[in-house]
Amino acid sequence: MSAEGAVDLCVIGAGAGGLSVASGAARLGARTVLIECGRMGGDCLNVGCVPSKALLAAAKRAALIRGAGAFGIEAAAPAVDFAAVMRHVRAVIAAIAPQDSQERFEAMGVRVLRRQARFLGPGTVAAGDDVITARRIVIATGARPAIPPIPGLDRVNYLTNETIFDNETLPAHLVVIGGGPLGLELAQAHRLLGARVTVLEADRALAKDDPELAAELLARLRANGIAIAERTRVLRVAPAGAGIAVTVAEAAGEREIVASHLLVAAGRRAALDGLDLDRAGIAIDAHGLVLDRRLRTTNRRIYAVGDAAGGPQFTHVAADHASIVIRNALFRLPAKVDDRALPWVTYTAPELAQVGLTEAQARARHGADIAVLRAPFAENDRAQAEHATQGLVKVVARRNGSVLGASILGESAGELIQLWGLAIAAGIRLSRVARMIAPYPTLGEASKRAAAGFYAPRLFAPRTRRLVRLLARFG
C-alpha cells in the first residue's frame, strides 16, 4: 500500500451527509479526503429523494389532467408513456448531479478516492492501495434496504428503492411491502400513472405520524384506488407464471395476491458492512453505531452522520449532522443533536408534514397542560380557489402559548410546516404567529388562523363583550 500524508478530515461516503461535511471542511481550509466506492450523491440523488419526487411530480401532473373538469376545462384521460416518465426522472438526476460530482469537490480542494474504505486502526483508513491517516474521521456510508426474512423472497425478482427507478414498464399490479412514507409515495405515484397498487403493512401505516391526519391521508389514498391492508403479515412469496404470488395473513385468514411487480419498502438499515469497525475501536449494538449526542462513536475521533448514524433517515437530518460534526471536529465546540424541531414530510397528494410532538406525545408528556388548535383547509380561501380543501393545520401548544408541535395535511404541507419548526426552535409563541400579517389569499393563512384560535375563546368571551359595552359609554 502507498502511504498518504496525514489529513485533517477523512469522510467515508459521498451521500448527502458526507458531501456536506467534506464541502464545509474544505471551504474552511481543512485538508480533506472523501472516499466513495459507489455513485457520488449517494442514495438521495440516485435512488431516494430526487428520483422519488421527480416520479411523484409526473404522477401529480397526470392527476391534475384528470381533475381539470372541476375548473371547467375539458381534458381527455392522460396517455402515460411510462418509459418517458422514467427518462424524466433520470433527467432530473442528471441536472442535479454536477452539484455532487467528483469534479466539483476536487475543485474545492477535496481529494476524492473512488474505492471501498475500511479501517486499519483508530485513526487510519485504507482505500484500495491508499492509506489515510486523519485527525478526525466521519462515517457517512448511508443505509441499505432492510429485507425482511420472508420465505421465498430469494426466489423472485423483487424491487427496492435502489432498483425501482430502473424499471421502465408500468406495473399491471404493484404490491408494496411497507406502509411508511417511501412505500406510500411510490404506491401513489404508480397508481396515478395507471398501475393497480396494493400496500401491505404489518402494523399501522404511517405509524410515526399523528393518527388523526394519517387516517385522513390513508382515506384519500384508498379513494385513489390504492388497496391498503394494515396489520397484515406476509407469510411467503413465490413465482406465479410471469408474476409473483404473495400470501398474507389477516384477521379474516390467509389470502393470495398475485403481483406483476413486488416492491420491498420495509425500512432501511445503516450500511456498515466491510468497514472493519472493530479495528478502530468502534462499538455497535442492536441499533447500529453507539453514538453520543455529539455524534461521536466510542472512538472519540470518529463521528457518524446521516443514515449511518442510525436515527431519522432524512437528507435534512444528514445536513444538520454535518453542521454538528464540523463544529465539533474543526472548532472543538460541544455541538449536540437537538431534534425538538425536526420536521418530516410524506410527499403524497395531499402532503403530510410533522414537526415536534404529536397530540398523543404532548398529552403523554404534559397531561392536561396543552391546547389543540385546528384550522381546516376548507376554511381557507386559497384552498377553495385551488380545489385543495382536503387538509388541516393542527397545532399542539402549552397553555402559556409555547408551541410543542404541529401536524399538517394538505397542499404544500411541507412548505407550511417550516413556520412551526421555526416557532419551536426559536421559542416563538402563538401570539406572534397570530399577529403575523399573512398575504391574502395564501395557504399560509391557515397557520395564522390556527394560532389565532388559541385566543378566540378569551377575546370573544362575555367578559370582553361587557368591557366593550362599558367603554362605549365614554364616547
Protein backbone atom coordinates (compact mmCIF):
# COMPACT_ATOMS: atom_id res chain seq x y z
CA MET A 1 0.00 0.00 0.00
CA SER A 2 1.11 3.56 -0.64
CA ALA A 3 1.15 5.92 2.32
CA GLU A 4 -0.89 9.08 2.34
CA GLY A 5 0.18 12.05 4.40
CA ALA A 6 -1.93 12.89 7.41
CA VAL A 7 -5.05 14.96 6.74
CA ASP A 8 -7.41 16.87 8.96
CA LEU A 9 -10.58 15.04 7.96
CA CYS A 10 -11.40 11.79 6.21
CA VAL A 11 -15.02 11.32 5.15
CA ILE A 12 -16.26 7.85 4.22
CA GLY A 13 -19.29 8.15 1.96
CA ALA A 14 -20.34 10.75 -0.61
CA GLY A 15 -24.04 10.92 0.11
CA ALA A 16 -25.85 13.96 1.47
CA GLY A 17 -24.16 13.91 4.86
CA GLY A 18 -20.65 13.12 3.65
CA LEU A 19 -20.76 15.73 0.91
CA SER A 20 -21.94 18.38 3.35
CA VAL A 21 -19.10 17.59 5.76
CA ALA A 22 -16.47 17.50 3.01
CA SER A 23 -17.71 20.72 1.43
CA GLY A 24 -17.80 22.61 4.71
CA ALA A 25 -14.42 21.33 5.84
CA ALA A 26 -12.69 22.13 2.55
CA ARG A 27 -14.13 25.63 2.40
CA LEU A 28 -12.85 26.19 5.94
CA GLY A 29 -9.34 25.23 4.86
CA ALA A 30 -9.18 21.73 6.33
CA ARG A 31 -7.20 19.10 4.42
CA THR A 32 -9.97 16.71 3.42
CA VAL A 33 -10.20 13.27 1.82
CA LEU A 34 -13.54 11.88 0.62
CA ILE A 35 -13.89 8.14 -0.05
CA GLU A 36 -16.78 6.70 -2.08
CA CYS A 37 -16.99 3.28 -3.72
CA GLY A 38 -20.38 3.88 -5.37
CA ARG A 39 -22.09 6.80 -7.06
CA MET A 40 -21.42 10.37 -5.97
CA GLY A 41 -24.52 11.85 -4.35
CA GLY A 42 -25.42 8.62 -2.61
CA ASP A 43 -28.99 7.46 -2.10
CA CYS A 44 -30.66 10.89 -2.05
CA LEU A 45 -29.58 11.84 -5.55
CA ASN A 46 -29.59 8.45 -7.22
CA VAL A 47 -32.24 6.24 -5.63
CA GLY A 48 -34.01 8.31 -2.96
CA CYS A 49 -35.35 11.82 -2.58
CA VAL A 50 -34.60 13.13 -6.05
CA PRO A 51 -35.99 10.32 -8.25
CA SER A 52 -38.98 9.67 -5.99
CA LYS A 53 -40.03 13.33 -6.05
CA ALA A 54 -39.47 13.51 -9.79
CA LEU A 55 -41.69 10.45 -10.24
CA LEU A 56 -44.34 11.94 -7.95
CA ALA A 57 -44.22 15.21 -9.89
CA ALA A 58 -45.09 13.34 -13.10
CA ALA A 59 -47.85 11.38 -11.34
CA LYS A 60 -49.39 14.55 -9.92
CA ARG A 61 -49.45 16.12 -13.39
CA ALA A 62 -51.45 13.14 -14.61
CA ALA A 63 -53.86 13.61 -11.69
CA LEU A 64 -54.23 17.32 -12.49
CA ILE A 65 -55.23 16.49 -16.05
CA ARG A 66 -57.85 14.03 -14.83
CA GLY A 67 -59.23 16.65 -12.42
CA ALA A 68 -59.29 19.57 -14.85
CA GLY A 69 -63.07 19.26 -15.28
CA ALA A 70 -63.59 20.79 -11.83
CA PHE A 71 -62.17 24.03 -13.25
CA GLY A 72 -64.35 23.99 -16.36
CA ILE A 73 -61.59 22.61 -18.58
CA GLU A 74 -62.30 19.59 -20.72
CA ALA A 75 -59.38 17.18 -20.82
CA ALA A 76 -59.02 13.67 -22.12
CA ALA A 77 -57.59 10.98 -19.89
CA PRO A 78 -53.80 11.35 -19.96
CA ALA A 79 -51.82 8.94 -22.08
CA VAL A 80 -48.94 7.85 -19.86
CA ASP A 81 -45.68 6.83 -21.53
CA PHE A 82 -44.05 5.21 -18.52
CA ALA A 83 -40.65 4.85 -20.20
CA ALA A 84 -40.73 8.59 -20.96
CA VAL A 85 -41.68 9.30 -17.35
CA MET A 86 -38.59 7.40 -16.21
CA ARG A 87 -36.48 9.34 -18.69
CA HIS A 88 -37.79 12.49 -16.99
CA VAL A 89 -36.69 11.04 -13.65
CA ARG A 90 -33.20 10.35 -14.95
CA ALA A 91 -33.01 13.82 -16.50
CA VAL A 92 -33.73 15.40 -13.11
CA ILE A 93 -30.96 13.31 -11.53
CA ALA A 94 -28.58 14.36 -14.31
CA ALA A 95 -29.43 18.04 -13.83
CA ILE A 96 -28.57 17.91 -10.11
CA ALA A 97 -25.60 15.52 -10.37
CA PRO A 98 -22.95 18.20 -11.16
CA GLN A 99 -23.51 19.67 -7.68
CA ASP A 100 -22.46 16.34 -6.17
CA SER A 101 -19.78 15.43 -8.71
CA GLN A 102 -16.21 14.38 -8.08
CA GLU A 103 -15.03 17.24 -10.30
CA ARG A 104 -16.81 19.87 -8.19
CA PHE A 105 -15.39 18.56 -4.94
CA GLU A 106 -11.89 18.24 -6.34
CA ALA A 107 -12.18 21.87 -7.46
CA MET A 108 -12.88 22.72 -3.82
CA GLY A 109 -9.63 21.06 -2.82
CA VAL A 110 -11.08 17.74 -1.63
CA ARG A 111 -9.15 14.61 -2.59
CA VAL A 112 -11.73 12.09 -3.80
CA LEU A 113 -10.96 8.37 -3.76
CA ARG A 114 -13.46 6.14 -5.58
CA ARG A 115 -12.76 2.94 -3.66
CA GLN A 116 -14.06 0.80 -0.81
CA ALA A 117 -12.95 2.04 2.63
CA ARG A 118 -12.04 0.02 5.69
CA PHE A 119 -10.42 0.85 8.99
CA LEU A 120 -6.88 -0.29 9.72
CA GLY A 121 -6.68 1.31 13.13
CA PRO A 122 -8.12 4.03 15.42
CA GLY A 123 -7.13 6.83 13.05
CA THR A 124 -6.24 5.05 9.84
CA VAL A 125 -8.37 4.15 6.82
CA ALA A 126 -7.44 2.08 3.79
CA ALA A 127 -8.98 2.92 0.41
CA GLY A 128 -7.71 0.47 -2.15
CA ASP A 129 -3.93 0.89 -2.13
CA ASP A 130 -4.05 4.19 -0.27
CA VAL A 131 -3.70 4.54 3.49
CA ILE A 132 -5.21 7.67 5.01
CA THR A 133 -4.23 8.92 8.45
CA ALA A 134 -6.61 11.57 9.71
CA ARG A 135 -7.07 13.67 12.84
CA ARG A 136 -10.81 13.11 12.58
CA ILE A 137 -12.87 10.62 10.57
CA VAL A 138 -16.55 10.73 9.61
CA ILE A 139 -18.64 7.66 8.73
CA ALA A 140 -21.27 8.75 6.21
CA THR A 141 -21.98 5.45 4.48
CA GLY A 142 -25.77 5.83 4.33
CA ALA A 143 -28.21 2.95 4.53
CA ARG A 144 -29.39 -0.06 2.56
CA PRO A 145 -32.88 -1.52 2.18
CA ALA A 146 -33.84 -3.75 5.08
CA ILE A 147 -35.02 -7.01 3.56
CA PRO A 148 -37.46 -8.91 5.81
CA PRO A 149 -36.97 -12.68 6.21
CA ILE A 150 -39.96 -13.66 4.07
CA PRO A 151 -39.85 -17.26 2.80
CA GLY A 152 -39.42 -17.37 -0.97
CA LEU A 153 -38.25 -13.77 -1.36
CA ASP A 154 -34.90 -15.00 -2.65
CA ARG A 155 -36.70 -16.87 -5.45
CA VAL A 156 -38.41 -13.85 -7.03
CA ASN A 157 -37.27 -10.67 -8.70
CA TYR A 158 -38.37 -8.03 -6.23
CA LEU A 159 -37.71 -4.29 -6.34
CA THR A 160 -36.34 -1.89 -3.71
CA ASN A 161 -35.85 1.86 -3.83
CA GLU A 162 -32.41 1.08 -5.28
CA THR A 163 -33.85 -0.70 -8.33
CA ILE A 164 -37.40 0.56 -8.90
CA PHE A 165 -36.24 3.63 -10.81
CA ASP A 166 -34.60 1.38 -13.40
CA ASN A 167 -37.97 -0.17 -14.25
CA GLU A 168 -39.45 1.27 -17.46
CA THR A 169 -42.57 -0.89 -17.63
CA LEU A 170 -45.71 0.34 -15.88
CA PRO A 171 -46.66 -2.45 -13.47
CA ALA A 172 -50.01 -4.11 -14.10
CA HIS A 173 -50.23 -4.72 -10.34
CA LEU A 174 -47.60 -3.35 -7.98
CA VAL A 175 -47.61 -4.88 -4.48
CA VAL A 176 -45.73 -2.82 -1.91
CA ILE A 177 -44.49 -4.36 1.33
CA GLY A 178 -44.31 -1.46 3.77
CA GLY A 179 -46.74 1.34 4.59
CA GLY A 180 -44.26 4.03 5.58
CA PRO A 181 -43.64 7.31 3.73
CA LEU A 182 -41.49 5.75 0.99
CA GLY A 183 -43.88 2.88 0.35
CA LEU A 184 -46.92 5.16 0.16
CA GLU A 185 -45.21 7.77 -2.00
CA LEU A 186 -44.21 5.17 -4.58
CA ALA A 187 -47.60 3.47 -4.29
CA GLN A 188 -49.46 6.69 -5.09
CA ALA A 189 -47.07 7.65 -7.87
CA HIS A 190 -47.61 4.35 -9.67
CA ARG A 191 -51.36 4.42 -9.06
CA LEU A 192 -51.76 7.92 -10.51
CA LEU A 193 -49.75 6.81 -13.53
CA GLY A 194 -52.18 3.95 -14.14
CA ALA A 195 -50.98 0.91 -12.20
CA ARG A 196 -53.09 -1.20 -9.88
CA VAL A 197 -51.48 -0.98 -6.42
CA THR A 198 -51.76 -2.90 -3.15
CA VAL A 199 -49.89 -1.89 0.02
CA LEU A 200 -49.23 -4.42 2.80
CA GLU A 201 -48.31 -3.11 6.25
CA ALA A 202 -47.58 -5.36 9.24
CA ASP A 203 -48.61 -2.67 11.75
CA ARG A 204 -50.28 0.71 11.24
CA ALA A 205 -49.44 2.65 8.11
CA LEU A 206 -47.67 5.96 8.80
CA ALA A 207 -47.20 4.85 12.40
CA LYS A 208 -44.90 7.77 13.30
CA ASP A 209 -47.36 10.45 12.23
CA ASP A 210 -50.36 11.96 14.01
CA PRO A 211 -53.05 9.24 13.81
CA GLU A 212 -55.85 11.71 13.02
CA LEU A 213 -54.13 13.17 9.98
CA ALA A 214 -52.59 9.86 8.92
CA ALA A 215 -56.07 8.32 8.82
CA GLU A 216 -57.29 11.16 6.56
CA LEU A 217 -54.38 10.65 4.19
CA LEU A 218 -54.93 6.90 4.05
CA ALA A 219 -58.59 7.51 3.24
CA ARG A 220 -57.50 9.76 0.37
CA LEU A 221 -55.08 7.15 -0.95
CA ARG A 222 -57.78 4.49 -0.80
CA ALA A 223 -60.07 6.88 -2.69
CA ASN A 224 -57.33 6.99 -5.37
CA GLY A 225 -57.87 3.25 -5.74
CA ILE A 226 -54.91 2.01 -3.68
CA ALA A 227 -55.69 -1.08 -1.61
CA ILE A 228 -54.04 -0.63 1.79
CA ALA A 229 -54.04 -3.62 4.14
CA GLU A 230 -52.83 -2.82 7.65
CA ARG A 231 -51.87 -5.33 10.35
CA THR A 232 -51.24 -7.81 7.59
CA ARG A 233 -48.36 -10.27 7.73
CA VAL A 234 -46.67 -11.53 4.58
CA LEU A 235 -46.29 -15.29 5.02
CA ARG A 236 -44.43 -16.17 1.84
CA VAL A 237 -43.88 -15.25 -1.79
CA ALA A 238 -43.40 -17.46 -4.81
CA PRO A 239 -43.17 -17.23 -8.61
CA ALA A 240 -46.59 -17.39 -10.28
CA GLY A 241 -46.22 -17.58 -14.03
CA ALA A 242 -44.90 -14.21 -15.14
CA GLY A 243 -45.86 -12.69 -11.79
CA ILE A 244 -45.33 -13.12 -8.06
CA ALA A 245 -47.77 -14.74 -5.63
CA VAL A 246 -47.83 -13.05 -2.23
CA THR A 247 -49.57 -14.97 0.57
CA VAL A 248 -50.69 -12.86 3.53
CA ALA A 249 -52.30 -13.49 6.90
CA GLU A 250 -55.09 -11.15 8.02
CA ALA A 251 -57.76 -11.19 10.69
CA ALA A 252 -60.08 -12.97 8.25
CA GLY A 253 -57.47 -15.63 7.42
CA GLU A 254 -54.98 -16.23 4.62
CA ARG A 255 -55.28 -14.94 1.07
CA GLU A 256 -53.10 -14.82 -2.01
CA ILE A 257 -52.34 -11.71 -4.05
CA VAL A 258 -50.73 -12.01 -7.48
CA ALA A 259 -48.47 -9.12 -8.41
CA SER A 260 -46.73 -8.26 -11.63
CA HIS A 261 -44.10 -6.35 -9.60
CA LEU A 262 -43.15 -6.53 -5.92
CA LEU A 263 -41.60 -3.57 -4.09
CA VAL A 264 -39.99 -4.14 -0.69
CA ALA A 265 -40.12 -0.86 1.25
CA ALA A 266 -39.87 -2.21 4.78
CA GLY A 267 -37.32 0.24 6.12
CA ARG A 268 -33.58 0.75 5.83
CA ARG A 269 -30.57 -0.10 7.96
CA ALA A 270 -27.20 1.60 8.29
CA ALA A 271 -24.65 0.42 5.71
CA LEU A 272 -21.69 -0.55 7.89
CA ASP A 273 -20.59 -3.85 6.33
CA GLY A 274 -16.94 -4.19 5.35
CA LEU A 275 -15.68 -1.21 7.39
CA ASP A 276 -13.83 -3.36 9.98
CA LEU A 277 -15.13 -1.11 12.74
CA ASP A 278 -13.57 -3.21 15.49
CA ARG A 279 -10.09 -2.26 14.28
CA ALA A 280 -10.90 1.35 15.04
CA GLY A 281 -12.38 0.65 18.45
CA ILE A 282 -15.92 1.49 17.28
CA ALA A 283 -18.72 -0.30 19.13
CA ILE A 284 -22.08 -1.28 17.67
CA ASP A 285 -25.24 -2.63 19.28
CA ALA A 286 -28.58 -3.95 18.04
CA HIS A 287 -29.47 -0.47 16.72
CA GLY A 288 -26.18 0.22 14.92
CA LEU A 289 -23.35 2.52 15.89
CA VAL A 290 -23.11 3.56 19.54
CA LEU A 291 -23.07 7.37 19.45
CA ASP A 292 -23.27 10.22 21.93
CA ARG A 293 -25.24 13.43 21.37
CA ARG A 294 -22.23 14.95 19.65
CA LEU A 295 -22.37 12.12 17.06
CA ARG A 296 -19.09 10.64 18.31
CA THR A 297 -18.57 6.90 18.24
CA THR A 298 -16.84 5.06 21.06
CA ASN A 299 -13.65 6.23 19.34
CA ARG A 300 -13.99 9.94 20.10
CA ARG A 301 -12.02 10.89 16.98
CA ILE A 302 -14.57 9.23 14.73
CA TYR A 303 -18.08 10.57 14.03
CA ALA A 304 -21.13 9.35 12.13
CA VAL A 305 -23.70 11.38 10.19
CA GLY A 306 -26.92 10.81 8.28
CA ASP A 307 -28.43 7.37 7.85
CA ALA A 308 -25.22 5.73 9.11
CA ALA A 309 -25.89 7.37 12.49
CA GLY A 310 -28.98 5.20 12.88
CA GLY A 311 -31.52 7.95 13.60
CA PRO A 312 -34.21 9.53 11.41
CA GLN A 313 -33.31 8.86 7.78
CA PHE A 314 -33.79 12.21 6.07
CA THR A 315 -31.44 14.26 3.90
CA HIS A 316 -32.06 17.35 6.02
CA VAL A 317 -31.04 15.39 9.12
CA ALA A 318 -27.77 14.48 7.38
CA ALA A 319 -27.15 18.15 6.62
CA ASP A 320 -27.80 19.07 10.25
CA HIS A 321 -25.46 16.28 11.39
CA ALA A 322 -22.78 17.68 9.10
CA SER A 323 -23.02 21.06 10.79
CA ILE A 324 -22.72 19.45 14.22
CA VAL A 325 -19.68 17.40 13.22
CA ILE A 326 -17.87 20.36 11.66
CA ARG A 327 -18.34 22.40 14.83
CA ASN A 328 -17.06 19.51 16.93
CA ALA A 329 -14.25 18.24 14.72
CA LEU A 330 -12.83 21.52 13.42
CA PHE A 331 -13.75 24.09 16.07
CA ARG A 332 -13.89 21.75 19.10
CA LEU A 333 -17.27 23.18 20.08
CA PRO A 334 -19.58 20.81 22.01
CA ALA A 335 -22.42 20.94 19.47
CA LYS A 336 -25.11 18.33 20.06
CA VAL A 337 -28.08 16.85 18.23
CA ASP A 338 -31.33 18.65 19.03
CA ASP A 339 -34.33 17.07 17.32
CA ARG A 340 -37.09 19.05 19.05
CA ALA A 341 -37.82 20.92 15.84
CA LEU A 342 -37.09 18.10 13.38
CA PRO A 343 -39.63 18.15 10.52
CA TRP A 344 -40.51 15.37 8.13
CA VAL A 345 -42.86 15.18 5.16
CA THR A 346 -44.63 12.43 3.25
CA TYR A 347 -44.83 13.85 -0.27
CA THR A 348 -48.08 12.28 -1.35
CA ALA A 349 -51.04 14.30 -2.61
CA PRO A 350 -52.00 15.73 -0.22
CA GLU A 351 -48.75 16.04 1.67
CA LEU A 352 -48.45 15.10 5.33
CA ALA A 353 -45.94 17.03 7.45
CA GLN A 354 -44.95 16.86 11.10
CA VAL A 355 -42.65 18.78 13.43
CA GLY A 356 -42.23 18.48 17.17
CA LEU A 357 -44.67 16.48 19.27
CA THR A 358 -47.88 14.90 18.02
CA GLU A 359 -51.03 15.36 20.09
CA ALA A 360 -50.59 11.94 21.73
CA GLN A 361 -46.96 12.63 22.60
CA ALA A 362 -47.83 16.05 24.01
CA ARG A 363 -50.60 14.60 26.21
CA ALA A 364 -48.27 11.89 27.47
CA ARG A 365 -45.62 14.46 28.39
CA HIS A 366 -47.71 17.42 29.58
CA GLY A 367 -51.08 15.94 30.54
CA ALA A 368 -53.89 18.50 30.62
CA ASP A 369 -51.49 21.42 30.14
CA ILE A 370 -51.97 21.50 26.37
CA ALA A 371 -54.26 23.08 23.82
CA VAL A 372 -55.01 21.55 20.41
CA LEU A 373 -55.75 24.05 17.64
CA ARG A 374 -57.19 23.23 14.24
CA ALA A 375 -57.60 25.19 11.02
CA PRO A 376 -59.24 23.18 8.21
CA PHE A 377 -58.15 23.87 4.65
CA ALA A 378 -61.86 24.01 3.76
CA GLU A 379 -61.99 27.36 5.61
CA ASN A 380 -59.08 28.79 3.62
CA ASP A 381 -59.98 30.87 0.57
CA ARG A 382 -56.90 29.94 -1.45
CA ALA A 383 -57.58 26.25 -0.87
CA GLN A 384 -61.13 26.77 -2.11
CA ALA A 385 -59.86 28.52 -5.24
CA GLU A 386 -57.46 25.65 -5.93
CA HIS A 387 -59.98 22.87 -5.10
CA ALA A 388 -57.47 21.75 -2.47
CA THR A 389 -59.78 21.78 0.52
CA GLN A 390 -58.88 18.39 1.98
CA GLY A 391 -56.48 19.17 4.76
CA LEU A 392 -55.89 20.51 8.23
CA VAL A 393 -53.35 22.53 10.18
CA LYS A 394 -53.20 21.04 13.66
CA VAL A 395 -51.05 22.71 16.32
CA VAL A 396 -50.33 21.48 19.83
CA ALA A 397 -49.25 24.09 22.39
CA ARG A 398 -48.95 24.53 26.11
CA ARG A 399 -51.44 26.71 27.97
CA ASN A 400 -48.84 29.50 28.08
CA GLY A 401 -48.80 29.66 24.26
CA SER A 402 -45.48 27.89 23.62
CA VAL A 403 -45.61 25.60 20.61
CA LEU A 404 -44.96 21.91 21.17
CA GLY A 405 -45.67 20.52 17.71
CA ALA A 406 -47.63 20.79 14.50
CA SER A 407 -49.12 18.34 12.03
CA ILE A 408 -50.30 19.47 8.61
CA LEU A 409 -52.18 17.52 5.97
CA GLY A 410 -52.81 19.31 2.71
CA GLU A 411 -51.41 21.04 -0.35
CA SER A 412 -47.84 22.30 0.27
CA ALA A 413 -47.77 20.94 3.82
CA GLY A 414 -44.00 20.60 3.56
CA GLU A 415 -43.73 24.34 2.97
CA LEU A 416 -46.23 25.31 5.65
CA ILE A 417 -44.60 23.19 8.38
CA GLN A 418 -41.45 25.30 8.28
CA LEU A 419 -43.06 28.17 10.18
CA TRP A 420 -43.90 25.83 13.05
CA GLY A 421 -40.40 24.36 13.06
CA LEU A 422 -39.04 27.88 13.47
CA ALA A 423 -41.56 28.60 16.23
CA ILE A 424 -40.39 25.55 18.19
CA ALA A 425 -36.67 26.14 17.59
CA ALA A 426 -36.76 29.88 18.36
CA GLY A 427 -39.37 29.81 21.13
CA ILE A 428 -41.86 31.88 19.14
CA ARG A 429 -45.21 31.78 20.90
CA LEU A 430 -48.66 31.58 19.38
CA SER A 431 -49.27 35.28 19.97
CA ARG A 432 -46.52 36.19 17.50
CA VAL A 433 -47.88 33.83 14.85
CA ALA A 434 -51.42 35.12 15.39
CA ARG A 435 -50.22 38.72 14.86
CA MET A 436 -48.27 37.78 11.72
CA ILE A 437 -49.51 39.56 8.58
CA ALA A 438 -50.11 36.82 6.02
CA PRO A 439 -50.73 37.81 2.39
CA TYR A 440 -54.24 37.06 1.12
CA PRO A 441 -55.13 34.65 -0.30
CA THR A 442 -52.49 32.09 0.69
CA LEU A 443 -52.48 28.69 2.29
CA GLY A 444 -50.22 30.19 4.95
CA GLU A 445 -53.23 31.97 6.40
CA ALA A 446 -54.30 28.61 7.80
CA SER A 447 -51.34 28.68 10.20
CA LYS A 448 -52.25 32.17 11.34
CA ARG A 449 -55.86 31.07 11.80
CA ALA A 450 -54.80 28.09 13.90
CA ALA A 451 -52.69 30.32 16.16
CA ALA A 452 -55.50 32.87 16.48
CA GLY A 453 -57.80 30.09 17.60
CA PHE A 454 -55.81 29.91 20.84
CA TYR A 455 -57.01 33.40 21.80
CA ALA A 456 -60.51 33.43 20.31
CA PRO A 457 -62.32 31.96 23.35
CA ARG A 458 -60.94 34.69 25.59
CA LEU A 459 -61.17 37.50 23.06
CA PHE A 460 -64.86 36.88 22.25
CA ALA A 461 -65.91 35.84 25.75
CA PRO A 462 -68.86 37.53 27.56
CA ARG A 463 -66.42 39.37 29.81
CA THR A 464 -64.78 41.02 26.80
CA ARG A 465 -68.16 41.91 25.34
CA ARG A 466 -69.13 43.62 28.61
CA LEU A 467 -65.88 45.58 28.55
CA VAL A 468 -66.58 46.79 25.00
CA ARG A 469 -70.05 47.97 26.02
CA LEU A 470 -68.62 49.71 29.09
CA LEU A 471 -66.01 51.58 27.08
CA ALA A 472 -68.67 52.62 24.58
CA ARG A 473 -70.36 54.67 27.29
CA PHE A 474 -67.39 57.01 27.39
CA GLY A 475 -67.87 58.05 23.78
